[in-house]
Amino acid sequence: MNKFSLALLLIVALVFASNFKQHFVQIKNADEKVQLLMQSNQKKLDALNTKPQLSKHELWLQQHLSKNLNKTDLLIQGSQLTNYSLLSMIAIMLACAVAFMFARRKDSRLQTVDITCPAPSDNPVVQRVSWQMMGSIAANFNSNRIKRKSEHKLRILSSPQWIIFSSAFALLGLNAFGFALYKSYITGSDWSPGLGIVFIASGTGLLVYGFLQGWLIDRQLSLASSPLNGQHDIREVVALQFITGISGARRRIFNVYEINLILKDAQRISLSRYGEHSNAMHSAAILAKFLNVPVWRD
């Protein structure tokens, strides 16, 4: 995490804290006024309850005060639950932002050497292979990481940044869903979990997609297998393809780095994508050494 990112995060946190402090002071003052009104109405109701006989007007007033006290109490509880939900939402966002920045900082510190070489133009495979980006999802952070399981096995998994990013949506959805359900149970109001469901589905979908895109490469079995992309014989691999692409729009343009397998028949298999050049080059070096193939760039 660089100094600019840390300063920006602190400024955002201070702005949030200042705004919500004012918000909660206003809510507290309003609650105090409502509590005073409830105490006054409760005294009136207690006085009516002690009377042996009540007139029609007093009976109506007794019922009216009782209903209002119940409704007001439920409204206060609902308001408190909304505030707690808002606070937990902010806590989730800040925690995920800090974790994301630390994960990104760790990736950006990798020391790497450029091992790529220009694709040989006289190679018949190079003449047939495409150099367009394969992936459709572009992010300005690393989507994948490499984990060496053993001497002969290597895994390509979702990166910590991808997991944190996806989990943030799921946690925000669970927060909204849980508080909406509890508020409905406490206050007896209608339950409307729509937004929570959308966030839970989005976050879970991203996590599942990241898992399905993972790879297990086994040199003993000569197989590269993925839940989404099936199995491929790594003896057919002639090189790794390292592509640098551009994504984003207007002022938010960033580089995306993609690593693919190139097979003897010029077919390509998408392995991983990165938003950090150092991480992409580090992964390419590990894969090239593990598969004993060169890394071609366009």
Protein backbone atom coordinates (compact mmCIF):
# COMPACT_ATOMS: atom_id res chain seq x y z
CA MET A 1 0.00 0.00 0.00
CA ASN A 2 1.68 3.26 -1.09
CA LYS A 3 1.47 6.52 0.84
CA PHE A 4 -1.05 8.02 -1.58
CA SER A 5 -3.43 5.05 -1.26
CA LEU A 6 -3.12 5.07 2.53
CA ALA A 7 -3.75 8.83 2.69
CA LEU A 8 -6.76 8.48 0.37
CA LEU A 9 -8.19 5.67 2.50
CA LEU A 10 -7.74 7.72 5.70
CA ILE A 11 -9.42 10.77 4.12
CA VAL A 12 -12.40 8.66 2.98
CA ALA A 13 -12.64 7.08 6.45
CA LEU A 14 -12.57 10.52 8.14
CA VAL A 15 -15.24 11.89 5.80
CA PHE A 16 -17.46 8.88 6.48
CA ALA A 17 -16.87 9.17 10.23
CA SER A 18 -17.69 12.89 10.24
CA ASN A 19 -20.87 12.49 8.19
CA PHE A 20 -22.15 9.54 10.18
CA LYS A 21 -21.34 11.21 13.47
CA GLN A 22 -23.65 14.09 12.48
CA HIS A 23 -26.24 11.59 11.26
CA PHE A 24 -26.25 9.62 14.50
CA VAL A 25 -26.36 12.78 16.61
CA GLN A 26 -29.50 13.82 14.74
CA ILE A 27 -30.98 10.34 15.16
CA LYS A 28 -30.14 10.36 18.88
CA ASN A 29 -31.80 13.78 19.37
CA ALA A 30 -34.90 12.60 17.50
CA ASP A 31 -35.03 9.40 19.56
CA GLU A 32 -34.78 11.40 22.79
CA LYS A 33 -37.75 13.56 21.75
CA VAL A 34 -39.73 10.45 20.84
CA GLN A 35 -38.82 8.85 24.18
CA LEU A 36 -40.08 11.93 26.05
CA LEU A 37 -43.33 11.79 24.08
CA MET A 38 -43.67 8.08 24.81
CA GLN A 39 -43.12 8.68 28.53
CA SER A 40 -45.81 11.36 28.51
CA ASN A 41 -48.26 9.06 26.70
CA GLN A 42 -47.39 6.18 29.02
CA LYS A 43 -48.25 8.32 32.06
CA LYS A 44 -51.59 9.20 30.48
CA LEU A 45 -52.26 5.53 29.73
CA ASP A 46 -51.32 4.49 33.28
CA ALA A 47 -53.68 7.10 34.67
CA LEU A 48 -56.53 5.78 32.50
CA ASN A 49 -55.78 2.19 33.50
CA THR A 50 -56.17 3.03 37.20
CA LYS A 51 -59.66 4.40 36.75
CA PRO A 52 -62.44 1.94 37.67
CA GLN A 53 -64.79 3.25 35.01
CA LEU A 54 -64.04 5.00 31.73
CA SER A 55 -66.16 7.13 29.49
CA LYS A 56 -66.44 6.40 25.76
CA HIS A 57 -63.88 9.10 25.02
CA GLU A 58 -61.51 7.72 27.65
CA LEU A 59 -61.90 4.20 26.26
CA TRP A 60 -61.06 5.50 22.78
CA LEU A 61 -58.07 7.44 24.18
CA GLN A 62 -56.86 4.34 26.04
CA GLN A 63 -56.88 2.24 22.87
CA HIS A 64 -55.35 5.06 20.82
CA LEU A 65 -52.47 5.60 23.27
CA SER A 66 -51.78 1.86 23.52
CA LYS A 67 -51.59 1.46 19.73
CA ASN A 68 -49.38 4.54 19.34
CA LEU A 69 -46.97 3.34 22.03
CA ASN A 70 -46.61 -0.04 20.35
CA LYS A 71 -46.11 1.51 16.91
CA THR A 72 -43.61 4.06 18.18
CA ASP A 73 -41.59 1.39 19.98
CA LEU A 74 -41.44 -0.68 16.79
CA LEU A 75 -40.37 2.37 14.77
CA ILE A 76 -37.53 3.10 17.20
CA GLN A 77 -36.34 -0.51 17.04
CA GLY A 78 -36.50 -0.39 13.23
CA SER A 79 -34.50 2.84 13.16
CA GLN A 80 -31.84 1.37 15.44
CA LEU A 81 -31.54 -1.75 13.28
CA THR A 82 -31.13 0.42 10.17
CA ASN A 83 -28.30 2.32 11.86
CA TYR A 84 -26.58 -0.89 12.93
CA SER A 85 -26.91 -2.24 9.38
CA LEU A 86 -25.35 0.93 8.00
CA LEU A 87 -22.47 0.76 10.47
CA SER A 88 -21.74 -2.89 9.68
CA MET A 89 -21.87 -2.11 5.95
CA ILE A 90 -19.23 0.61 6.39
CA ALA A 91 -17.10 -1.72 8.51
CA ILE A 92 -17.26 -4.42 5.82
CA MET A 93 -16.31 -1.95 3.08
CA LEU A 94 -13.37 -0.51 5.01
CA ALA A 95 -12.10 -3.95 6.08
CA CYS A 96 -12.26 -5.26 2.51
CA ALA A 97 -10.59 -2.09 1.16
CA VAL A 98 -7.68 -2.41 3.61
CA ALA A 99 -7.28 -6.16 2.93
CA PHE A 100 -7.42 -5.53 -0.85
CA MET A 101 -4.74 -2.83 -0.69
CA PHE A 102 -2.42 -4.98 1.40
CA ALA A 103 -2.87 -7.92 -1.01
CA ARG A 104 -2.15 -5.64 -3.95
CA ARG A 105 0.93 -4.23 -2.24
CA LYS A 106 2.29 -7.73 -1.68
CA ASP A 107 1.83 -8.60 -5.38
CA SER A 108 3.44 -5.37 -6.61
CA ARG A 109 6.63 -6.06 -4.60
CA LEU A 110 7.56 -9.20 -6.57
CA GLN A 111 11.04 -8.98 -8.08
CA THR A 112 10.95 -10.38 -11.60
CA VAL A 113 13.01 -10.56 -14.78
CA ASP A 114 11.48 -10.33 -18.24
CA ILE A 115 11.92 -13.82 -19.68
CA THR A 116 9.64 -13.27 -22.67
CA CYS A 117 10.99 -13.32 -26.21
CA PRO A 118 9.44 -12.20 -29.50
CA ALA A 119 7.44 -14.95 -31.17
CA PRO A 120 9.58 -16.39 -34.03
CA SER A 121 7.93 -15.26 -37.24
CA ASP A 122 9.18 -18.26 -39.20
CA ASN A 123 7.47 -20.73 -36.86
CA PRO A 124 4.37 -22.24 -38.54
CA VAL A 125 2.48 -22.27 -35.21
CA VAL A 126 3.15 -18.55 -34.71
CA GLN A 127 1.87 -17.81 -38.19
CA ARG A 128 -1.45 -19.48 -37.37
CA VAL A 129 -2.02 -18.52 -33.75
CA SER A 130 -4.20 -15.55 -32.75
CA TRP A 131 -2.79 -12.71 -30.65
CA GLN A 132 -6.11 -11.32 -29.47
CA MET A 133 -6.99 -11.36 -25.78
CA MET A 134 -9.03 -14.45 -24.89
CA GLY A 135 -10.64 -13.37 -21.63
CA SER A 136 -13.80 -11.29 -21.51
CA ILE A 137 -13.58 -10.14 -17.87
CA ALA A 138 -11.00 -7.37 -17.39
CA ALA A 139 -9.91 -6.09 -13.99
CA ASN A 140 -7.11 -3.74 -12.98
CA PHE A 141 -5.99 -6.21 -10.30
CA ASN A 142 -4.60 -9.74 -10.36
CA SER A 143 -7.27 -12.37 -10.93
CA ASN A 144 -5.04 -15.40 -10.40
CA ARG A 145 -2.12 -16.72 -8.37
CA ILE A 146 0.11 -19.78 -8.70
CA LYS A 147 0.63 -22.32 -5.94
CA ARG A 148 3.16 -25.12 -6.18
CA LYS A 149 1.64 -28.24 -4.63
CA SER A 150 4.59 -30.55 -5.18
CA GLU A 151 7.50 -31.12 -7.53
CA HIS A 152 5.15 -32.38 -10.22
CA LYS A 153 1.94 -30.48 -9.46
CA LEU A 154 1.06 -26.83 -9.79
CA ARG A 155 -2.23 -25.00 -9.21
CA ILE A 156 -3.57 -21.78 -10.69
CA LEU A 157 -6.08 -20.36 -8.21
CA SER A 158 -8.12 -17.23 -7.63
CA SER A 159 -5.91 -14.45 -6.28
CA PRO A 160 -6.48 -12.94 -2.80
CA GLN A 161 -7.58 -9.74 -4.55
CA TRP A 162 -10.25 -11.61 -6.53
CA ILE A 163 -11.46 -13.40 -3.38
CA ILE A 164 -11.62 -10.15 -1.37
CA PHE A 165 -13.39 -8.30 -4.21
CA SER A 166 -15.97 -11.08 -4.62
CA SER A 167 -16.43 -11.62 -0.88
CA ALA A 168 -17.15 -7.91 -0.38
CA PHE A 169 -20.29 -8.22 -2.53
CA ALA A 170 -21.39 -11.42 -0.76
CA LEU A 171 -20.80 -9.95 2.73
CA LEU A 172 -22.66 -6.73 1.91
CA GLY A 173 -25.54 -8.83 0.59
CA LEU A 174 -25.60 -11.03 3.71
CA ASN A 175 -25.56 -7.89 5.85
CA ALA A 176 -28.55 -6.38 4.03
CA PHE A 177 -30.38 -9.72 3.89
CA GLY A 178 -29.86 -10.52 7.59
CA PHE A 179 -30.84 -7.11 8.92
CA ALA A 180 -33.89 -6.95 6.62
CA LEU A 181 -35.05 -10.35 7.86
CA TYR A 182 -34.47 -9.49 11.54
CA LYS A 183 -36.14 -6.08 11.16
CA SER A 184 -39.17 -7.74 9.59
CA TYR A 185 -39.33 -10.24 12.47
CA ILE A 186 -39.00 -7.58 15.18
CA THR A 187 -41.25 -4.89 13.75
CA GLY A 188 -43.71 -7.06 11.84
CA SER A 189 -43.08 -5.06 8.66
CA ASP A 190 -42.92 -6.50 5.15
CA TRP A 191 -39.70 -8.28 4.27
CA SER A 192 -37.89 -6.94 1.20
CA PRO A 193 -34.53 -8.73 0.74
CA GLY A 194 -34.21 -8.01 -3.01
CA LEU A 195 -30.99 -5.96 -2.94
CA GLY A 196 -29.36 -8.35 -0.48
CA ILE A 197 -30.14 -11.32 -2.72
CA VAL A 198 -28.62 -9.50 -5.73
CA PHE A 199 -25.37 -8.79 -3.88
CA ILE A 200 -25.15 -12.32 -2.44
CA ALA A 201 -25.71 -13.82 -5.90
CA SER A 202 -23.13 -11.49 -7.48
CA GLY A 203 -20.43 -12.18 -4.90
CA THR A 204 -21.07 -15.93 -4.83
CA GLY A 205 -21.13 -16.04 -8.62
CA LEU A 206 -17.73 -14.33 -8.84
CA LEU A 207 -16.24 -16.70 -6.25
CA VAL A 208 -17.59 -19.75 -8.06
CA TYR A 209 -16.41 -18.42 -11.43
CA GLY A 210 -12.91 -17.91 -10.00
CA PHE A 211 -12.89 -21.48 -8.70
CA LEU A 212 -14.13 -22.96 -11.99
CA GLN A 213 -11.46 -21.04 -13.92
CA GLY A 214 -8.69 -22.61 -11.81
CA TRP A 215 -6.19 -25.12 -13.17
CA LEU A 216 -4.29 -28.15 -11.87
CA ILE A 217 -1.20 -28.96 -13.96
CA ASP A 218 0.29 -32.39 -13.33
CA ARG A 219 3.59 -33.27 -15.06
CA GLN A 220 3.40 -36.94 -14.07
CA LEU A 221 0.02 -37.34 -15.78
CA SER A 222 0.92 -34.77 -18.48
CA LEU A 223 -2.45 -33.14 -17.89
CA ALA A 224 -3.75 -29.63 -17.35
CA SER A 225 -7.28 -29.84 -15.96
CA SER A 226 -9.89 -27.24 -15.11
CA PRO A 227 -13.53 -27.59 -13.94
CA LEU A 228 -14.62 -25.13 -16.63
CA ASN A 229 -12.13 -25.79 -19.43
CA GLY A 230 -11.70 -29.58 -19.23
CA GLN A 231 -8.47 -31.55 -19.63
CA HIS A 232 -5.57 -30.98 -22.01
CA ASP A 233 -2.37 -32.86 -22.73
CA ILE A 234 0.54 -30.59 -21.73
CA ARG A 235 2.83 -32.53 -24.10
CA GLU A 236 1.04 -30.64 -26.86
CA VAL A 237 2.14 -27.28 -25.43
CA VAL A 238 4.84 -25.55 -27.53
CA ALA A 239 4.98 -22.21 -25.69
CA LEU A 240 3.33 -19.78 -23.31
CA GLN A 241 1.69 -16.74 -24.85
CA PHE A 242 2.14 -13.46 -22.95
CA ILE A 243 -0.29 -10.77 -24.16
CA THR A 244 -0.55 -7.18 -22.98
CA GLY A 245 -3.97 -5.65 -23.53
CA ILE A 246 -5.69 -2.39 -22.71
CA SER A 247 -9.05 -2.21 -20.95
CA GLY A 248 -11.27 0.37 -19.28
CA ALA A 249 -12.94 3.48 -20.63
CA ARG A 250 -12.10 7.18 -20.86
CA ARG A 251 -9.89 8.15 -17.93
CA ARG A 252 -9.92 4.68 -16.34
CA ILE A 253 -7.67 2.91 -18.85
CA PHE A 254 -5.33 0.22 -17.55
CA ASN A 255 -3.15 -2.63 -18.82
CA VAL A 256 -4.25 -6.25 -18.57
CA TYR A 257 -1.78 -9.13 -18.88
CA GLU A 258 -2.87 -12.56 -20.07
CA ILE A 259 -1.01 -15.88 -20.08
CA ASN A 260 -2.19 -18.61 -22.46
CA LEU A 261 -0.96 -22.01 -23.54
CA ILE A 262 -0.17 -22.43 -27.24
CA LEU A 263 -0.65 -25.96 -28.57
CA LYS A 264 0.97 -27.61 -31.58
CA ASP A 265 -2.19 -27.13 -33.64
CA ALA A 266 -2.13 -23.34 -32.87
CA GLN A 267 -5.06 -23.60 -30.47
CA ARG A 268 -4.86 -21.54 -27.29
CA ILE A 269 -5.91 -22.28 -23.73
CA SER A 270 -6.46 -19.35 -21.37
CA LEU A 271 -4.62 -19.85 -18.07
CA SER A 272 -4.58 -16.62 -16.08
CA ARG A 273 -4.99 -12.83 -16.12
CA TYR A 274 -3.28 -10.10 -14.14
CA GLY A 275 -3.46 -6.38 -13.51
CA GLU A 276 0.11 -6.11 -12.20
CA HIS A 277 2.98 -6.57 -14.68
CA SER A 278 5.35 -7.88 -12.01
CA ASN A 279 2.89 -10.55 -10.91
CA ALA A 280 2.16 -11.59 -14.50
CA MET A 281 5.86 -11.88 -15.31
CA HIS A 282 6.50 -13.81 -12.08
CA SER A 283 3.75 -16.30 -12.94
CA ALA A 284 4.99 -16.64 -16.52
CA ALA A 285 8.49 -17.46 -15.25
CA ILE A 286 7.17 -20.17 -12.90
CA LEU A 287 4.96 -21.71 -15.60
CA ALA A 288 7.70 -21.63 -18.24
CA LYS A 289 10.15 -23.38 -15.93
CA PHE A 290 7.53 -25.91 -14.80
CA LEU A 291 6.46 -26.77 -18.37
CA ASN A 292 9.92 -26.26 -19.88
CA VAL A 293 8.63 -24.07 -22.72
CA PRO A 294 9.48 -20.55 -23.92
CA VAL A 295 7.32 -17.47 -23.31
CA TRP A 296 6.32 -15.67 -26.52
CA ARG A 297 5.14 -12.09 -26.60
CA ASP A 298 3.48 -10.27 -29.48
